[in-house]
Amino acid sequence: METKNCYVCGITIANKDHVGLNKKLLGRNIDRFYCIGCLAEYFEVTTEELLDKIGEFRDLGCGLFEK
C-alpha cells in the first residue's frame, strides 16, 4: 500500500480501512486523505461513528475494506 498522509495534520495513515473510508466517503479518485480523527471532524461526527461505518461497509461486501 502506498503511504498516505493526512491532509490536515500530516500523520501517516497506516490503516487500510481508514484509506478505504476516505475513498468511500470522498470519492475513489481523491488525492487528499484524512486521518480518522480529521475525517470525523470534517463530517462533524465521532470517530466511533466512522468506525461503525467501516464495519457496515465491510459487512455489505465493499471491496475497499479488509475482510
N, C-alpha and C. Protein backbone atom coordinates (compact mmCIF):
# COMPACT_ATOMS: atom_id res chain seq x y z
N MET A 1 0.84 -1.18 0.00
CA MET A 1 0.00 0.00 0.00
C MET A 1 0.88 1.24 0.00
N GLU A 2 0.56 2.17 -0.85
CA GLU A 2 1.26 3.44 -0.90
C GLU A 2 0.96 4.22 0.38
N THR A 3 1.97 4.86 0.92
CA THR A 3 1.80 5.63 2.16
C THR A 3 0.94 6.86 1.89
N LYS A 4 -0.02 7.07 2.76
CA LYS A 4 -0.89 8.25 2.69
C LYS A 4 -0.69 9.05 3.97
N ASN A 5 -0.71 10.36 3.84
CA ASN A 5 -0.62 11.24 4.99
C ASN A 5 -1.86 12.10 5.06
N CYS A 6 -2.28 12.42 6.28
CA CYS A 6 -3.45 13.25 6.49
C CYS A 6 -3.20 14.65 5.93
N TYR A 7 -4.14 15.12 5.16
CA TYR A 7 -4.07 16.44 4.54
C TYR A 7 -4.07 17.55 5.59
N VAL A 8 -4.72 17.31 6.73
CA VAL A 8 -4.84 18.34 7.76
C VAL A 8 -3.68 18.31 8.75
N CYS A 9 -3.45 17.16 9.37
CA CYS A 9 -2.46 17.10 10.45
C CYS A 9 -1.14 16.46 10.05
N GLY A 10 -1.09 15.80 8.90
CA GLY A 10 0.14 15.24 8.37
C GLY A 10 0.51 13.86 8.88
N ILE A 11 -0.27 13.29 9.79
CA ILE A 11 0.03 11.96 10.33
C ILE A 11 -0.06 10.91 9.22
N THR A 12 0.76 9.88 9.30
CA THR A 12 0.71 8.78 8.34
C THR A 12 -0.52 7.93 8.61
N ILE A 13 -1.26 7.63 7.56
CA ILE A 13 -2.47 6.80 7.66
C ILE A 13 -2.06 5.38 7.28
N ALA A 14 -1.83 4.55 8.30
CA ALA A 14 -1.33 3.20 8.09
C ALA A 14 -2.45 2.17 7.94
N ASN A 15 -3.65 2.49 8.39
CA ASN A 15 -4.75 1.54 8.38
C ASN A 15 -5.45 1.56 7.02
N LYS A 16 -5.48 0.42 6.35
CA LYS A 16 -6.09 0.32 5.02
C LYS A 16 -7.58 0.65 5.05
N ASP A 17 -8.25 0.29 6.14
CA ASP A 17 -9.68 0.59 6.26
C ASP A 17 -9.93 2.09 6.32
N HIS A 18 -9.02 2.83 6.94
CA HIS A 18 -9.17 4.28 7.03
C HIS A 18 -8.99 4.92 5.65
N VAL A 19 -8.04 4.38 4.87
CA VAL A 19 -7.87 4.84 3.49
C VAL A 19 -9.13 4.50 2.69
N GLY A 20 -9.65 3.30 2.87
CA GLY A 20 -10.88 2.88 2.18
C GLY A 20 -12.07 3.75 2.54
N LEU A 21 -12.15 4.16 3.80
CA LEU A 21 -13.26 5.02 4.22
C LEU A 21 -13.17 6.39 3.54
N ASN A 22 -11.97 6.92 3.42
CA ASN A 22 -11.78 8.17 2.69
C ASN A 22 -12.31 8.04 1.27
N LYS A 23 -11.92 6.95 0.61
CA LYS A 23 -12.35 6.74 -0.78
C LYS A 23 -13.86 6.54 -0.88
N LYS A 24 -14.44 5.83 0.09
CA LYS A 24 -15.88 5.57 0.08
C LYS A 24 -16.67 6.86 0.27
N LEU A 25 -16.22 7.71 1.20
CA LEU A 25 -16.98 8.91 1.53
C LEU A 25 -16.65 10.12 0.65
N LEU A 26 -15.42 10.17 0.14
CA LEU A 26 -14.99 11.35 -0.60
C LEU A 26 -14.79 11.11 -2.09
N GLY A 27 -14.79 9.84 -2.51
CA GLY A 27 -14.63 9.50 -3.92
C GLY A 27 -13.38 8.69 -4.15
N ARG A 28 -13.45 7.73 -5.04
CA ARG A 28 -12.35 6.80 -5.26
C ARG A 28 -11.11 7.46 -5.85
N ASN A 29 -11.25 8.57 -6.51
CA ASN A 29 -10.12 9.21 -7.18
C ASN A 29 -9.55 10.40 -6.41
N ILE A 30 -9.75 10.43 -5.10
CA ILE A 30 -9.26 11.56 -4.31
C ILE A 30 -7.74 11.52 -4.21
N ASP A 31 -7.15 12.70 -3.97
CA ASP A 31 -5.72 12.76 -3.75
C ASP A 31 -5.38 13.37 -2.39
N ARG A 32 -6.39 13.78 -1.64
CA ARG A 32 -6.22 14.29 -0.29
C ARG A 32 -6.94 13.35 0.68
N PHE A 33 -6.18 12.81 1.61
CA PHE A 33 -6.72 11.86 2.57
C PHE A 33 -6.71 12.48 3.96
N TYR A 34 -7.63 12.01 4.81
CA TYR A 34 -7.75 12.48 6.19
C TYR A 34 -7.57 11.30 7.14
N CYS A 35 -6.87 11.53 8.25
CA CYS A 35 -6.83 10.51 9.29
C CYS A 35 -8.24 10.38 9.87
N ILE A 36 -8.47 9.35 10.64
CA ILE A 36 -9.82 9.09 11.15
C ILE A 36 -10.33 10.24 12.02
N GLY A 37 -9.44 10.86 12.79
CA GLY A 37 -9.83 11.99 13.63
C GLY A 37 -10.21 13.22 12.83
N CYS A 38 -9.41 13.55 11.84
CA CYS A 38 -9.70 14.71 11.00
C CYS A 38 -10.91 14.46 10.09
N LEU A 39 -11.09 13.21 9.66
CA LEU A 39 -12.26 12.87 8.85
C LEU A 39 -13.53 13.02 9.68
N ALA A 40 -13.48 12.60 10.94
CA ALA A 40 -14.63 12.76 11.83
C ALA A 40 -14.95 14.24 12.02
N GLU A 41 -13.93 15.04 12.19
CA GLU A 41 -14.12 16.48 12.35
C GLU A 41 -14.71 17.08 11.08
N TYR A 42 -14.23 16.66 9.93
CA TYR A 42 -14.71 17.15 8.64
C TYR A 42 -16.21 16.89 8.48
N PHE A 43 -16.65 15.69 8.86
CA PHE A 43 -18.07 15.32 8.73
C PHE A 43 -18.90 15.63 9.97
N GLU A 44 -18.24 16.17 11.00
CA GLU A 44 -18.91 16.54 12.25
C GLU A 44 -19.61 15.34 12.90
N VAL A 45 -18.86 14.23 12.98
CA VAL A 45 -19.32 13.02 13.64
C VAL A 45 -18.20 12.54 14.56
N THR A 46 -18.45 11.48 15.31
CA THR A 46 -17.41 10.94 16.19
C THR A 46 -16.59 9.89 15.43
N THR A 47 -15.40 9.63 15.94
CA THR A 47 -14.58 8.58 15.32
C THR A 47 -15.27 7.23 15.48
N GLU A 48 -15.99 7.03 16.58
CA GLU A 48 -16.71 5.78 16.79
C GLU A 48 -17.76 5.56 15.70
N GLU A 49 -18.44 6.63 15.30
CA GLU A 49 -19.44 6.51 14.24
C GLU A 49 -18.78 6.11 12.92
N LEU A 50 -17.61 6.67 12.65
CA LEU A 50 -16.90 6.29 11.42
C LEU A 50 -16.42 4.85 11.48
N LEU A 51 -15.94 4.43 12.62
CA LEU A 51 -15.50 3.03 12.77
C LEU A 51 -16.68 2.08 12.60
N ASP A 52 -17.85 2.47 13.10
CA ASP A 52 -19.06 1.66 12.89
C ASP A 52 -19.40 1.58 11.40
N LYS A 53 -19.22 2.70 10.68
CA LYS A 53 -19.49 2.73 9.24
C LYS A 53 -18.57 1.77 8.50
N ILE A 54 -17.30 1.72 8.92
CA ILE A 54 -16.37 0.79 8.30
C ILE A 54 -16.91 -0.63 8.43
N GLY A 55 -17.39 -0.98 9.62
CA GLY A 55 -17.97 -2.31 9.84
C GLY A 55 -19.18 -2.56 8.97
N GLU A 56 -20.03 -1.56 8.82
CA GLU A 56 -21.22 -1.70 7.98
C GLU A 56 -20.83 -1.92 6.52
N PHE A 57 -19.90 -1.10 6.03
CA PHE A 57 -19.47 -1.24 4.64
C PHE A 57 -18.81 -2.59 4.40
N ARG A 58 -18.02 -3.06 5.36
CA ARG A 58 -17.36 -4.36 5.26
C ARG A 58 -18.42 -5.46 5.20
N ASP A 59 -19.43 -5.37 6.08
CA ASP A 59 -20.49 -6.38 6.10
C ASP A 59 -21.28 -6.41 4.80
N LEU A 60 -21.37 -5.25 4.13
CA LEU A 60 -22.07 -5.19 2.85
C LEU A 60 -21.22 -5.72 1.70
N GLY A 61 -19.95 -6.04 2.00
CA GLY A 61 -19.08 -6.61 0.98
C GLY A 61 -18.30 -5.61 0.15
N CYS A 62 -18.22 -4.37 0.61
CA CYS A 62 -17.49 -3.35 -0.13
C CYS A 62 -16.01 -3.74 -0.21
N GLY A 63 -15.46 -3.73 -1.41
CA GLY A 63 -14.10 -4.14 -1.65
C GLY A 63 -13.04 -3.18 -1.16
N LEU A 64 -13.43 -2.01 -0.68
CA LEU A 64 -12.46 -1.05 -0.16
C LEU A 64 -11.98 -1.39 1.24
N PHE A 65 -12.62 -2.38 1.87
CA PHE A 65 -12.31 -2.69 3.26
C PHE A 65 -11.86 -4.14 3.41
N GLU A 66 -10.90 -4.35 4.32
CA GLU A 66 -10.37 -5.69 4.56
C GLU A 66 -11.44 -6.56 5.20
N LYS A 67 -11.41 -7.82 4.88
CA LYS A 67 -12.37 -8.76 5.44
C LYS A 67 -11.84 -9.37 6.70
